[in-house]
PDB file of N, CA and C in Angstrom:
ATOM      1  N   MET A   1      90.471  77.223 141.952  1.00  0.00           N
ATOM      2  CA  MET A   1      90.539  76.928 140.531  1.00  0.00           C
ATOM      3  C   MET A   1      91.921  76.346 140.227  1.00  0.00           C
ATOM      4  N   SER A   2      91.964  75.289 139.418  1.00  0.00           N
ATOM      5  CA  SER A   2      93.248  74.661 139.120  1.00  0.00           C
ATOM      6  C   SER A   2      93.848  75.279 137.866  1.00  0.00           C
ATOM      7  N   SER A   3      95.143  75.190 137.794  1.00  0.00           N
ATOM      8  CA  SER A   3      95.828  75.756 136.642  1.00  0.00           C
ATOM      9  C   SER A   3      95.733  74.791 135.473  1.00  0.00           C
ATOM     10  N   ALA A   4      96.077  75.267 134.299  1.00  0.00           N
ATOM     11  CA  ALA A   4      96.054  74.423 133.105  1.00  0.00           C
ATOM     12  C   ALA A   4      97.000  73.242 133.275  1.00  0.00           C
ATOM     13  N   ALA A   5      98.144  73.473 133.904  1.00  0.00           N
ATOM     14  CA  ALA A   5      99.110  72.389 134.110  1.00  0.00           C
ATOM     15  C   ALA A   5      98.522  71.306 135.005  1.00  0.00           C
ATOM     16  N   ASP A   6      97.758  71.711 136.043  1.00  0.00           N
ATOM     17  CA  ASP A   6      97.121  70.731 136.930  1.00  0.00           C
ATOM     18  C   ASP A   6      96.082  69.910 136.179  1.00  0.00           C
ATOM     19  N   ARG A   7      95.310  70.574 135.316  1.00  0.00           N
ATOM     20  CA  ARG A   7      94.302  69.854 134.535  1.00  0.00           C
ATOM     21  C   ARG A   7      94.960  68.885 133.563  1.00  0.00           C
ATOM     22  N   ILE A   8      96.062  69.282 132.958  1.00  0.00           N
ATOM     23  CA  ILE A   8      96.774  68.402 132.029  1.00  0.00           C
ATOM     24  C   ILE A   8      97.322  67.193 132.767  1.00  0.00           C
ATOM     25  N   LYS A   9      97.915  67.423 133.937  1.00  0.00           N
ATOM     26  CA  LYS A   9      98.452  66.301 134.735  1.00  0.00           C
ATOM     27  C   LYS A   9      97.341  65.345 135.149  1.00  0.00           C
ATOM     28  N   ALA A  10      96.202  65.889 135.576  1.00  0.00           N
ATOM     29  CA  ALA A  10      95.089  65.043 136.001  1.00  0.00           C
ATOM     30  C   ALA A  10      94.559  64.227 134.820  1.00  0.00           C
ATOM     31  N   ASN A  11      94.469  64.842 133.656  1.00  0.00           N
ATOM     32  CA  ASN A  11      93.995  64.140 132.465  1.00  0.00           C
ATOM     33  C   ASN A  11      94.976  63.045 132.066  1.00  0.00           C
ATOM     34  N   ALA A  12      96.273  63.329 132.123  1.00  0.00           N
ATOM     35  CA  ALA A  12      97.291  62.336 131.782  1.00  0.00           C
ATOM     36  C   ALA A  12      97.223  61.162 132.750  1.00  0.00           C
ATOM     37  N   GLU A  13      97.025  61.435 134.026  1.00  0.00           N
ATOM     38  CA  GLU A  13      96.935  60.369 135.019  1.00  0.00           C
ATOM     39  C   GLU A  13      95.693  59.515 134.770  1.00  0.00           C
ATOM     40  N   ARG A  14      94.580  60.150 134.454  1.00  0.00           N
ATOM     41  CA  ARG A  14      93.350  59.411 134.168  1.00  0.00           C
ATOM     42  C   ARG A  14      93.547  58.505 132.963  1.00  0.00           C
ATOM     43  N   LEU A  15      94.195  58.990 131.916  1.00  0.00           N
ATOM     44  CA  LEU A  15      94.457  58.175 130.732  1.00  0.00           C
ATOM     45  C   LEU A  15      95.400  57.022 131.046  1.00  0.00           C
ATOM     46  N   ARG A  16      96.426  57.287 131.870  1.00  0.00           N
ATOM     47  CA  ARG A  16      97.344  56.220 132.275  1.00  0.00           C
ATOM     48  C   ARG A  16      96.598  55.109 133.010  1.00  0.00           C
ATOM     49  N   GLN A  17      95.692  55.496 133.903  1.00  0.00           N
ATOM     50  CA  GLN A  17      94.939  54.509 134.663  1.00  0.00           C
ATOM     51  C   GLN A  17      94.015  53.706 133.752  1.00  0.00           C
ATOM     52  N   GLN A  18      93.423  54.352 132.771  1.00  0.00           N
ATOM     53  CA  GLN A  18      92.554  53.641 131.842  1.00  0.00           C
ATOM     54  C   GLN A  18      93.355  52.633 131.022  1.00  0.00           C
ATOM     55  N   GLN A  19      94.552  53.008 130.592  1.00  0.00           N
ATOM     56  CA  GLN A  19      95.378  52.119 129.786  1.00  0.00           C
ATOM     57  C   GLN A  19      95.971  50.994 130.634  1.00  0.00           C
ATOM     58  N   ALA A  20      96.240  51.259 131.898  1.00  0.00           N
ATOM     59  CA  ALA A  20      96.863  50.266 132.766  1.00  0.00           C
ATOM     60  C   ALA A  20      95.855  49.247 133.280  1.00  0.00           C
ATOM     61  N   SER A  21      94.582  49.626 133.368  1.00  0.00           N
ATOM     62  CA  SER A  21      93.601  48.687 133.913  1.00  0.00           C
ATOM     63  C   SER A  21      93.400  47.548 132.924  1.00  0.00           C
ATOM     64  N   PRO A  22      93.503  46.303 133.443  1.00  0.00           N
ATOM     65  CA  PRO A  22      93.355  45.158 132.537  1.00  0.00           C
ATOM     66  C   PRO A  22      91.922  45.049 132.063  1.00  0.00           C
ATOM     67  N   LYS A  23      91.755  44.461 130.884  1.00  0.00           N
ATOM     68  CA  LYS A  23      90.419  44.243 130.366  1.00  0.00           C
ATOM     69  C   LYS A  23      89.748  43.174 131.221  1.00  0.00           C
ATOM     70  N   ALA A  24      88.445  43.161 131.191  1.00  0.00           N
ATOM     71  CA  ALA A  24      87.691  42.211 132.015  1.00  0.00           C
ATOM     72  C   ALA A  24      88.093  40.790 131.633  1.00  0.00           C
ATOM     73  N   PRO A  25      88.490  39.990 132.621  1.00  0.00           N
ATOM     74  CA  PRO A  25      88.907  38.622 132.307  1.00  0.00           C
ATOM     75  C   PRO A  25      87.717  37.799 131.848  1.00  0.00           C
ATOM     76  N   THR A  26      87.990  36.833 131.005  1.00  0.00           N
ATOM     77  CA  THR A  26      86.941  35.942 130.528  1.00  0.00           C
ATOM     78  C   THR A  26      86.638  34.950 131.633  1.00  0.00           C
ATOM     79  N   SER A  27      85.369  34.837 131.979  1.00  0.00           N
ATOM     80  CA  SER A  27      85.006  33.914 133.056  1.00  0.00           C
ATOM     81  C   SER A  27      85.061  32.489 132.525  1.00  0.00           C
ATOM     82  N   PRO A  28      85.270  31.515 133.393  1.00  0.00           N
ATOM     83  CA  PRO A  28      85.339  30.130 132.943  1.00  0.00           C
ATOM     84  C   PRO A  28      84.040  29.674 132.303  1.00  0.00           C
ATOM     85  N   ALA A  29      82.894  30.264 132.663  1.00  0.00           N
ATOM     86  CA  ALA A  29      81.613  29.854 132.107  1.00  0.00           C
ATOM     87  C   ALA A  29      81.443  30.327 130.668  1.00  0.00           C
ATOM     88  N   THR A  30      82.237  31.296 130.247  1.00  0.00           N
ATOM     89  CA  THR A  30      82.127  31.821 128.896  1.00  0.00           C
ATOM     90  C   THR A  30      82.820  30.870 127.932  1.00  0.00           C
ATOM     91  N   PRO A  31      82.119  30.413 126.891  1.00  0.00           N
ATOM     92  CA  PRO A  31      82.770  29.484 125.969  1.00  0.00           C
ATOM     93  C   PRO A  31      83.851  30.185 125.168  1.00  0.00           C
ATOM     94  N   THR A  32      84.924  29.483 124.928  1.00  0.00           N
ATOM     95  CA  THR A  32      86.001  30.013 124.107  1.00  0.00           C
ATOM     96  C   THR A  32      85.870  29.442 122.714  1.00  0.00           C
ATOM     97  N   SER A  33      86.687  29.894 121.791  1.00  0.00           N
ATOM     98  CA  SER A  33      86.610  29.402 120.422  1.00  0.00           C
ATOM     99  C   SER A  33      86.896  27.904 120.357  1.00  0.00           C
ATOM    100  N   ALA A  34      87.683  27.389 121.295  1.00  0.00           N
ATOM    101  CA  ALA A  34      87.969  25.957 121.315  1.00  0.00           C
ATOM    102  C   ALA A  34      86.736  25.168 121.739  1.00  0.00           C
ATOM    103  N   ASP A  35      85.833  25.774 122.525  1.00  0.00           N
ATOM    104  CA  ASP A  35      84.641  25.088 122.995  1.00  0.00           C
ATOM    105  C   ASP A  35      83.522  25.060 121.957  1.00  0.00           C
ATOM    106  N   LEU A  36      83.577  25.968 120.974  1.00  0.00           N
ATOM    107  CA  LEU A  36      82.510  26.067 119.992  1.00  0.00           C
ATOM    108  C   LEU A  36      82.676  25.012 118.912  1.00  0.00           C
ATOM    109  N   PRO A  37      81.569  24.485 118.378  1.00  0.00           N
ATOM    110  CA  PRO A  37      81.689  23.514 117.296  1.00  0.00           C
ATOM    111  C   PRO A  37      82.267  24.184 116.059  1.00  0.00           C
ATOM    112  N   SER A  38      83.072  23.433 115.333  1.00  0.00           N
ATOM    113  CA  SER A  38      83.739  24.019 114.177  1.00  0.00           C
ATOM    114  C   SER A  38      82.987  23.776 112.885  1.00  0.00           C
ATOM    115  N   ALA A  39      81.728  23.347 112.962  1.00  0.00           N
ATOM    116  CA  ALA A  39      80.956  23.052 111.761  1.00  0.00           C
ATOM    117  C   ALA A  39      80.710  24.302 110.932  1.00  0.00           C
ATOM    118  N   ALA A  40      80.384  25.398 111.554  1.00  0.00           N
ATOM    119  CA  ALA A  40      80.106  26.631 110.811  1.00  0.00           C
ATOM    120  C   ALA A  40      81.174  27.658 111.157  1.00  0.00           C
ATOM    121  N   PRO A  41      81.925  28.139 110.158  1.00  0.00           N
ATOM    122  CA  PRO A  41      82.932  29.155 110.463  1.00  0.00           C
ATOM    123  C   PRO A  41      82.257  30.448 110.898  1.00  0.00           C
ATOM    124  N   GLN A  42      82.867  31.073 111.857  1.00  0.00           N
ATOM    125  CA  GLN A  42      82.314  32.337 112.350  1.00  0.00           C
ATOM    126  C   GLN A  42      82.668  33.456 111.395  1.00  0.00           C
ATOM    127  N   GLU A  43      81.687  34.296 111.130  1.00  0.00           N
ATOM    128  CA  GLU A  43      81.942  35.470 110.307  1.00  0.00           C
ATOM    129  C   GLU A  43      82.384  36.592 111.236  1.00  0.00           C
ATOM    130  N   PRO A  44      83.332  37.390 110.770  1.00  0.00           N
ATOM    131  CA  PRO A  44      83.772  38.493 111.629  1.00  0.00           C
ATOM    132  C   PRO A  44      82.626  39.471 111.847  1.00  0.00           C
ATOM    133  N   SER A  45      82.561  39.976 113.053  1.00  0.00           N
ATOM    134  CA  SER A  45      81.505  40.944 113.347  1.00  0.00           C
ATOM    135  C   SER A  45      81.809  42.252 112.634  1.00  0.00           C
ATOM    136  N   PRO A  46      80.768  42.975 112.224  1.00  0.00           N
ATOM    137  CA  PRO A  46      81.012  44.242 111.534  1.00  0.00           C
ATOM    138  C   PRO A  46      81.665  45.229 112.486  1.00  0.00           C
ATOM    139  N   PRO A  47      82.489  46.124 111.952  1.00  0.00           N
ATOM    140  CA  PRO A  47      83.139  47.097 112.833  1.00  0.00           C
ATOM    141  C   PRO A  47      82.105  48.004 113.485  1.00  0.00           C
ATOM    142  N   ALA A  48      82.451  48.454 114.660  1.00  0.00           N
ATOM    143  CA  ALA A  48      81.563  49.367 115.384  1.00  0.00           C
ATOM    144  C   ALA A  48      81.423  50.655 114.584  1.00  0.00           C
ATOM    145  N   PRO A  49      80.236  51.248 114.575  1.00  0.00           N
ATOM    146  CA  PRO A  49      80.076  52.489 113.817  1.00  0.00           C
ATOM    147  C   PRO A  49      80.952  53.594 114.397  1.00  0.00           C
ATOM    148  N   VAL A  50      81.512  54.371 113.510  1.00  0.00           N
ATOM    149  CA  VAL A  50      82.383  55.469 113.913  1.00  0.00           C
ATOM    150  C   VAL A  50      81.536  56.718 114.059  1.00  0.00           C
ATOM    151  N   GLU A  51      81.664  57.363 115.193  1.00  0.00           N
ATOM    152  CA  GLU A  51      80.921  58.591 115.411  1.00  0.00           C
ATOM    153  C   GLU A  51      81.588  59.727 114.642  1.00  0.00           C
ATOM    154  N   ASN A  52      80.774  60.561 114.038  1.00  0.00           N
ATOM    155  CA  ASN A  52      81.310  61.750 113.386  1.00  0.00           C
ATOM    156  C   ASN A  52      81.663  62.752 114.460  1.00  0.00           C
ATOM    157  N   VAL A  53      82.912  63.156 114.477  1.00  0.00           N
ATOM    158  CA  VAL A  53      83.377  64.105 115.474  1.00  0.00           C
ATOM    159  C   VAL A  53      83.426  65.479 114.816  1.00  0.00           C
ATOM    160  N   VAL A  54      82.740  66.421 115.418  1.00  0.00           N
ATOM    161  CA  VAL A  54      82.736  67.784 114.910  1.00  0.00           C
ATOM    162  C   VAL A  54      83.732  68.582 115.718  1.00  0.00           C
ATOM    163  N   ARG A  55      84.681  69.172 115.025  1.00  0.00           N
ATOM    164  CA  ARG A  55      85.712  69.950 115.696  1.00  0.00           C
ATOM    165  C   ARG A  55      85.093  71.205 116.305  1.00  0.00           C
ATOM    166  N   GLN A  56      85.389  71.452 117.560  1.00  0.00           N
ATOM    167  CA  GLN A  56      84.818  72.590 118.269  1.00  0.00           C
ATOM    168  C   GLN A  56      85.784  73.759 118.373  1.00  0.00           C
ATOM    169  N   LYS A  57      87.068  73.462 118.315  1.00  0.00           N
ATOM    170  CA  LYS A  57      88.064  74.509 118.482  1.00  0.00           C
ATOM    171  C   LYS A  57      88.621  74.898 117.127  1.00  0.00           C
ATOM    172  N   ASN A  58      89.106  76.119 117.039  1.00  0.00           N
ATOM    173  CA  ASN A  58      89.753  76.565 115.813  1.00  0.00           C
ATOM    174  C   ASN A  58      91.031  75.769 115.588  1.00  0.00           C
ATOM    175  N   VAL A  59      91.439  75.687 114.345  1.00  0.00           N
ATOM    176  CA  VAL A  59      92.631  74.941 113.976  1.00  0.00           C
ATOM    177  C   VAL A  59      93.729  75.942 113.621  1.00  0.00           C
ATOM    178  N   ARG A  60      94.908  75.735 114.187  1.00  0.00           N
ATOM    179  CA  ARG A  60      96.022  76.649 113.955  1.00  0.00           C
ATOM    180  C   ARG A  60      96.755  76.279 112.680  1.00  0.00           C
ATOM    181  N   ARG A  61      97.096  77.298 111.896  1.00  0.00           N
ATOM    182  CA  ARG A  61      97.932  77.143 110.707  1.00  0.00           C
ATOM    183  C   ARG A  61      99.100  78.112 110.847  1.00  0.00           C
ATOM    184  N   THR A  62     100.227  77.729 110.317  1.00  0.00           N
ATOM    185  CA  THR A  62     101.378  78.630 110.322  1.00  0.00           C
ATOM    186  C   THR A  62     101.799  78.866 108.889  1.00  0.00           C
ATOM    187  N   VAL A  63     102.523  79.951 108.679  1.00  0.00           N
ATOM    188  CA  VAL A  63     102.972  80.296 107.338  1.00  0.00           C
ATOM    189  C   VAL A  63     104.400  80.828 107.429  1.00  0.00           C
ATOM    190  N   ASP A  64     105.215  80.424 106.474  1.00  0.00           N
ATOM    191  CA  ASP A  64     106.579  80.944 106.388  1.00  0.00           C
ATOM    192  C   ASP A  64     106.597  82.032 105.332  1.00  0.00           C
ATOM    193  N   LEU A  65     107.099  83.180 105.706  1.00  0.00           N
ATOM    194  CA  LEU A  65     107.180  84.315 104.785  1.00  0.00           C
ATOM    195  C   LEU A  65     108.640  84.693 104.579  1.00  0.00           C
ATOM    196  N   SER A  66     108.923  85.207 103.393  1.00  0.00           N
ATOM    197  CA  SER A  66     110.263  85.747 103.162  1.00  0.00           C
ATOM    198  C   SER A  66     110.388  87.006 104.014  1.00  0.00           C
ATOM    199  N   PRO A  67     111.616  87.413 104.327  1.00  0.00           N
ATOM    200  CA  PRO A  67     111.780  88.636 105.127  1.00  0.00           C
ATOM    201  C   PRO A  67     111.112  89.850 104.484  1.00  0.00           C
ATOM    202  N   SER A  68     111.191  89.969 103.167  1.00  0.00           N
ATOM    203  CA  SER A  68     110.571  91.139 102.526  1.00  0.00           C
ATOM    204  C   SER A  68     109.046  91.062 102.589  1.00  0.00           C
ATOM    205  N   ALA A  69     108.476  89.859 102.419  1.00  0.00           N
ATOM    206  CA  ALA A  69     107.020  89.721 102.530  1.00  0.00           C
ATOM    207  C   ALA A  69     106.571  90.005 103.962  1.00  0.00           C
ATOM    208  N   HIS A  70     107.357  89.575 104.932  1.00  0.00           N
ATOM    209  CA  HIS A  70     107.034  89.817 106.339  1.00  0.00           C
ATOM    210  C   HIS A  70     107.042  91.319 106.636  1.00  0.00           C
ATOM    211  N   ARG A  71     108.070  92.005 106.167  1.00  0.00           N
ATOM    212  CA  ARG A  71     108.138  93.464 106.375  1.00  0.00           C
ATOM    213  C   ARG A  71     106.983  94.156 105.671  1.00  0.00           C
ATOM    214  N   GLY A  72     106.679  93.714 104.451  1.00  0.00           N
ATOM    215  CA  GLY A  72     105.568  94.312 103.712  1.00  0.00           C
ATOM    216  C   GLY A  72     104.241  94.118 104.417  1.00  0.00           C
ATOM    217  N   LEU A  73     104.024  92.928 104.961  1.00  0.00           N
ATOM    218  CA  LEU A  73     102.794  92.669 105.697  1.00  0.00           C
ATOM    219  C   LEU A  73     102.728  93.520 106.961  1.00  0.00           C
ATOM    220  N   ASP A  74     103.844  93.636 107.672  1.00  0.00           N
ATOM    221  CA  ASP A  74     103.870  94.494 108.872  1.00  0.00           C
ATOM    222  C   ASP A  74     103.520  95.933 108.512  1.00  0.00           C
ATOM    223  N   THR A  75     104.101  96.431 107.430  1.00  0.00           N
ATOM    224  CA  THR A  75     103.831  97.808 106.986  1.00  0.00           C
ATOM    225  C   THR A  75     102.357  97.964 106.636  1.00  0.00           C
ATOM    226  N   TRP A  76     101.812  96.987 105.908  1.00  0.00           N
ATOM    227  CA  TRP A  76     100.402  97.037 105.526  1.00  0.00           C
ATOM    228  C   TRP A  76      99.511  97.021 106.762  1.00  0.00           C
ATOM    229  N   GLN A  77      99.837  96.174 107.742  1.00  0.00           N
ATOM    230  CA  GLN A  77      99.044  96.083 108.964  1.00  0.00           C
ATOM    231  C   GLN A  77      99.044  97.410 109.719  1.00  0.00           C
ATOM    232  N   ARG A  78     100.224  98.056 109.814  1.00  0.00           N
ATOM    233  CA  ARG A  78     100.292  99.351 110.515  1.00  0.00           C
ATOM    234  C   ARG A  78      99.484 100.415 109.780  1.00  0.00           C
ATOM    235  N   ALA A  79      99.605 100.460 108.442  1.00  0.00           N
ATOM    236  CA  ALA A  79      98.856 101.452 107.653  1.00  0.00           C
ATOM    237  C   ALA A  79      97.352 101.208 107.776  1.00  0.00           C
ATOM    238  N   THR A  80      96.951  99.957 107.757  1.00  0.00           N
ATOM    239  CA  THR A  80      95.532  99.625 107.870  1.00  0.00           C
ATOM    240  C   THR A  80      95.006  99.964 109.260  1.00  0.00           C
ATOM    241  N   ALA A  81      95.793  99.713 110.280  1.00  0.00           N
ATOM    242  CA  ALA A  81      95.387 100.082 111.641  1.00  0.00           C
ATOM    243  C   ALA A  81      95.177 101.588 111.727  1.00  0.00           C
ATOM    244  N   ASP A  82      96.085 102.356 111.128  1.00  0.00           N
ATOM    245  CA  ASP A  82      95.929 103.817 111.119  1.00  0.00           C
ATOM    246  C   ASP A  82      94.643 104.218 110.395  1.00  0.00           C
ATOM    247  N   ARG A  83      94.381 103.620 109.235  1.00  0.00           N
ATOM    248  CA  ARG A  83      93.170 103.932 108.459  1.00  0.00           C
ATOM    249  C   ARG A  83      91.912 103.613 109.245  1.00  0.00           C
ATOM    250  N   LEU A  84      91.938 102.532 110.015  1.00  0.00           N
ATOM    251  CA  LEU A  84      90.762 102.120 110.770  1.00  0.00           C
ATOM    252  C   LEU A  84      90.681 102.750 112.157  1.00  0.00           C
ATOM    253  N   GLY A  85      91.726 103.497 112.525  1.00  0.00           N
ATOM    254  CA  GLY A  85      91.742 104.131 113.844  1.00  0.00           C
ATOM    255  C   GLY A  85      91.960 103.123 114.966  1.00  0.00           C
ATOM    256  N   LEU A  86      92.717 102.075 114.677  1.00  0.00           N
ATOM    257  CA  LEU A  86      92.987 101.043 115.667  1.00  0.00           C
ATOM    258  C   LEU A  86      94.437 101.109 116.115  1.00  0.00           C
ATOM    259  N   ALA A  87      94.710 100.533 117.269  1.00  0.00           N
ATOM    260  CA  ALA A  87      96.088 100.473 117.751  1.00  0.00           C
ATOM    261  C   ALA A  87      96.914  99.546 116.865  1.00  0.00           C
ATOM    262  N   ARG A  88      96.296  98.438 116.413  1.00  0.00           N
ATOM    263  CA  ARG A  88      96.999  97.519 115.532  1.00  0.00           C
ATOM    264  C   ARG A  88      96.005  96.618 114.824  1.00  0.00           C
ATOM    265  N   VAL A  89      96.452  96.019 113.735  1.00  0.00           N
ATOM    266  CA  VAL A  89      95.733  94.968 113.029  1.00  0.00           C
ATOM    267  C   VAL A  89      96.664  93.765 113.078  1.00  0.00           C
ATOM    268  N   THR A  90      96.177  92.659 113.606  1.00  0.00           N
ATOM    269  CA  THR A  90      97.039  91.493 113.786  1.00  0.00           C
ATOM    270  C   THR A  90      97.137  90.667 112.507  1.00  0.00           C
ATOM    271  N   GLY A  91      98.199  89.904 112.420  1.00  0.00           N
ATOM    272  CA  GLY A  91      98.358  88.970 111.306  1.00  0.00           C
ATOM    273  C   GLY A  91      97.235  87.949 111.299  1.00  0.00           C
ATOM    274  N   GLN A  92      96.772  87.552 112.478  1.00  0.00           N
ATOM    275  CA  GLN A  92      95.651  86.617 112.586  1.00  0.00           C
ATOM    276  C   GLN A  92      94.417  87.183 111.900  1.00  0.00           C
ATOM    277  N   GLU A  93      94.112  88.442 112.157  1.00  0.00           N
ATOM    278  CA  GLU A  93      92.948  89.078 111.538  1.00  0.00           C
ATOM    279  C   GLU A  93      93.095  89.121 110.021  1.00  0.00           C
ATOM    280  N   VAL A  94      94.294  89.439 109.552  1.00  0.00           N
ATOM    281  CA  VAL A  94      94.543  89.539 108.113  1.00  0.00           C
ATOM    282  C   VAL A  94      94.352  88.181 107.450  1.00  0.00           C
ATOM    283  N   LEU A  95      94.984  87.137 108.004  1.00  0.00           N
ATOM    284  CA  LEU A  95      94.895  85.813 107.391  1.00  0.00           C
ATOM    285  C   LEU A  95      93.481  85.245 107.468  1.00  0.00           C
ATOM    286  N   THR A  96      92.775  85.484 108.556  1.00  0.00           N
ATOM    287  CA  THR A  96      91.393  85.024 108.668  1.00  0.00           C
ATOM    288  C   THR A  96      90.522  85.687 107.614  1.00  0.00           C
ATOM    289  N   ALA A  97      90.683  87.011 107.441  1.00  0.00           N
ATOM    290  CA  ALA A  97      89.902  87.729 106.431  1.00  0.00           C
ATOM    291  C   ALA A  97      90.260  87.258 105.023  1.00  0.00           C
ATOM    292  N   LEU A  98      91.558  87.007 104.794  1.00  0.00           N
ATOM    293  CA  LEU A  98      91.976  86.525 103.472  1.00  0.00           C
ATOM    294  C   LEU A  98      91.374  85.159 103.155  1.00  0.00           C
ATOM    295  N   VAL A  99      91.391  84.245 104.091  1.00  0.00           N
ATOM    296  CA  VAL A  99      90.826  82.911 103.861  1.00  0.00           C
ATOM    297  C   VAL A  99      89.325  83.012 103.637  1.00  0.00           C
ATOM    298  N   ASP A 100      88.640  83.830 104.434  1.00  0.00           N
ATOM    299  CA  ASP A 100      87.197  84.005 104.256  1.00  0.00           C
ATOM    300  C   ASP A 100      86.896  84.523 102.850  1.00  0.00           C
ATOM    301  N   GLU A 101      87.651  85.515 102.396  1.00  0.00           N
ATOM    302  CA  GLU A 101      87.453  86.057 101.046  1.00  0.00           C
ATOM    303  C   GLU A 101      87.768  85.026  99.973  1.00  0.00           C
ATOM    304  N   LEU A 102      88.842  84.267 100.164  1.00  0.00           N
ATOM    305  CA  LEU A 102      89.233  83.241  99.205  1.00  0.00           C
ATOM    306  C   LEU A 102      88.121  82.209  99.025  1.00  0.00           C
ATOM    307  N   LEU A 103      87.501  81.811 100.120  1.00  0.00           N
ATOM    308  CA  LEU A 103      86.449  80.806 100.060  1.00  0.00           C
ATOM    309  C   LEU A 103      85.126  81.357  99.527  1.00  0.00           C
ATOM    310  N   ARG A 104      84.949  82.652  99.594  1.00  0.00           N
ATOM    311  CA  ARG A 104      83.697  83.272  99.162  1.00  0.00           C
ATOM    312  C   ARG A 104      83.763  83.776  97.728  1.00  0.00           C
ATOM    313  N   ASP A 105      84.930  84.197  97.260  1.00  0.00           N
ATOM    314  CA  ASP A 105      85.070  84.877  95.969  1.00  0.00           C
ATOM    315  C   ASP A 105      85.727  83.941  94.947  1.00  0.00           C
ATOM    316  N   ALA A 106      84.945  83.471  93.967  1.00  0.00           N
ATOM    317  CA  ALA A 106      85.445  82.520  92.969  1.00  0.00           C
ATOM    318  C   ALA A 106      86.544  83.137  92.097  1.00  0.00           C
ATOM    319  N   GLU A 107      86.431  84.422  91.778  1.00  0.00           N
ATOM    320  CA  GLU A 107      87.469  85.072  90.966  1.00  0.00           C
ATOM    321  C   GLU A 107      88.796  85.143  91.721  1.00  0.00           C
ATOM    322  N   LEU A 108      88.735  85.490  92.995  1.00  0.00           N
ATOM    323  CA  LEU A 108      89.946  85.520  93.813  1.00  0.00           C
ATOM    324  C   LEU A 108      90.538  84.122  93.910  1.00  0.00           C
ATOM    325  N   ALA A 109      89.701  83.122  94.089  1.00  0.00           N
ATOM    326  CA  ALA A 109      90.179  81.744  94.166  1.00  0.00           C
ATOM    327  C   ALA A 109      90.902  81.347  92.878  1.00  0.00           C
ATOM    328  N   GLU A 110      90.380  81.753  91.735  1.00  0.00           N
ATOM    329  CA  GLU A 110      91.040  81.453  90.453  1.00  0.00           C
ATOM    330  C   GLU A 110      92.379  82.176  90.345  1.00  0.00           C
ATOM    331  N   ARG A 111      92.444  83.439  90.787  1.00  0.00           N
ATOM    332  CA  ARG A 111      93.717  84.177  90.748  1.00  0.00           C
ATOM    333  C   ARG A 111      94.746  83.517  91.646  1.00  0.00           C
ATOM    334  N   ILE A 112      94.332  83.061  92.812  1.00  0.00           N
ATOM    335  CA  ILE A 112      95.258  82.391  93.732  1.00  0.00           C
ATOM    336  C   ILE A 112      95.712  81.072  93.143  1.00  0.00           C
ATOM    337  N   THR A 113      94.786  80.336  92.522  1.00  0.00           N
ATOM    338  CA  THR A 113      95.147  79.079  91.879  1.00  0.00           C
ATOM    339  C   THR A 113      96.187  79.306  90.786  1.00  0.00           C
ATOM    340  N   ALA A 114      95.994  80.345  89.974  1.00  0.00           N
ATOM    341  CA  ALA A 114      96.945  80.667  88.909  1.00  0.00           C
ATOM    342  C   ALA A 114      98.294  81.077  89.496  1.00  0.00           C
ATOM    343  N   ALA A 115      98.279  81.841  90.596  1.00  0.00           N
ATOM    344  CA  ALA A 115      99.533  82.251  91.228  1.00  0.00           C
ATOM    345  C   ALA A 115     100.291  81.052  91.760  1.00  0.00           C
ATOM    346  N   ILE A 116      99.596  80.097  92.333  1.00  0.00           N
ATOM    347  CA  ILE A 116     100.244  78.877  92.848  1.00  0.00           C
ATOM    348  C   ILE A 116     100.827  78.089  91.694  1.00  0.00           C
ATOM    349  N   ALA A 117     100.074  77.940  90.612  1.00  0.00           N
ATOM    350  CA  ALA A 117     100.566  77.205  89.447  1.00  0.00           C
ATOM    351  C   ALA A 117     101.818  77.865  88.879  1.00  0.00           C
ATOM    352  N   THR A 118     101.828  79.185  88.810  1.00  0.00           N
ATOM    353  CA  THR A 118     102.973  79.918  88.276  1.00  0.00           C
ATOM    354  C   THR A 118     104.196  79.758  89.181  1.00  0.00           C
ATOM    355  N   SER A 119     103.979  79.804  90.493  1.00  0.00           N
ATOM    356  CA  SER A 119     105.112  79.718  91.428  1.00  0.00           C
ATOM    357  C   SER A 119     105.733  78.317  91.431  1.00  0.00           C
ATOM    358  N   ARG A 120     105.005  77.314  90.998  1.00  0.00           N
ATOM    359  CA  ARG A 120     105.514  75.945  91.006  1.00  0.00           C
ATOM    360  C   ARG A 120     106.203  75.550  89.711  1.00  0.00           C
ATOM    361  N   ARG A 121     106.181  76.401  88.721  1.00  0.00           N
ATOM    362  CA  ARG A 121     106.840  76.088  87.436  1.00  0.00           C
ATOM    363  C   ARG A 121     108.313  76.284  87.521  1.00  0.00           C
TER     364      ARG A 121
END
């Protein structure tokens, strides 16, 4: 089994080779724009359709907290872990649950919107 670093190097090399390989040369039998009659101007071809890409991996977000908010969150996480009988509750779990609630609860979303508006004044 190869390591992640080996897979990254192999992928980088494959991409380098794809970028370095020249495009297929135009054969002499292929007419060029100079060979075509200029009576009718050519219309540009429509752009190729763009495939919708569905993200498969989670997206990372970071947050900057004041030292007091950070300490408060740590304290809350430890107390919650004790209440739930767990060794710990991670910040990831807290933020994921908060975002899920924010997106599900319209009243909470309004309170957060008001808090953001107030903090920006």
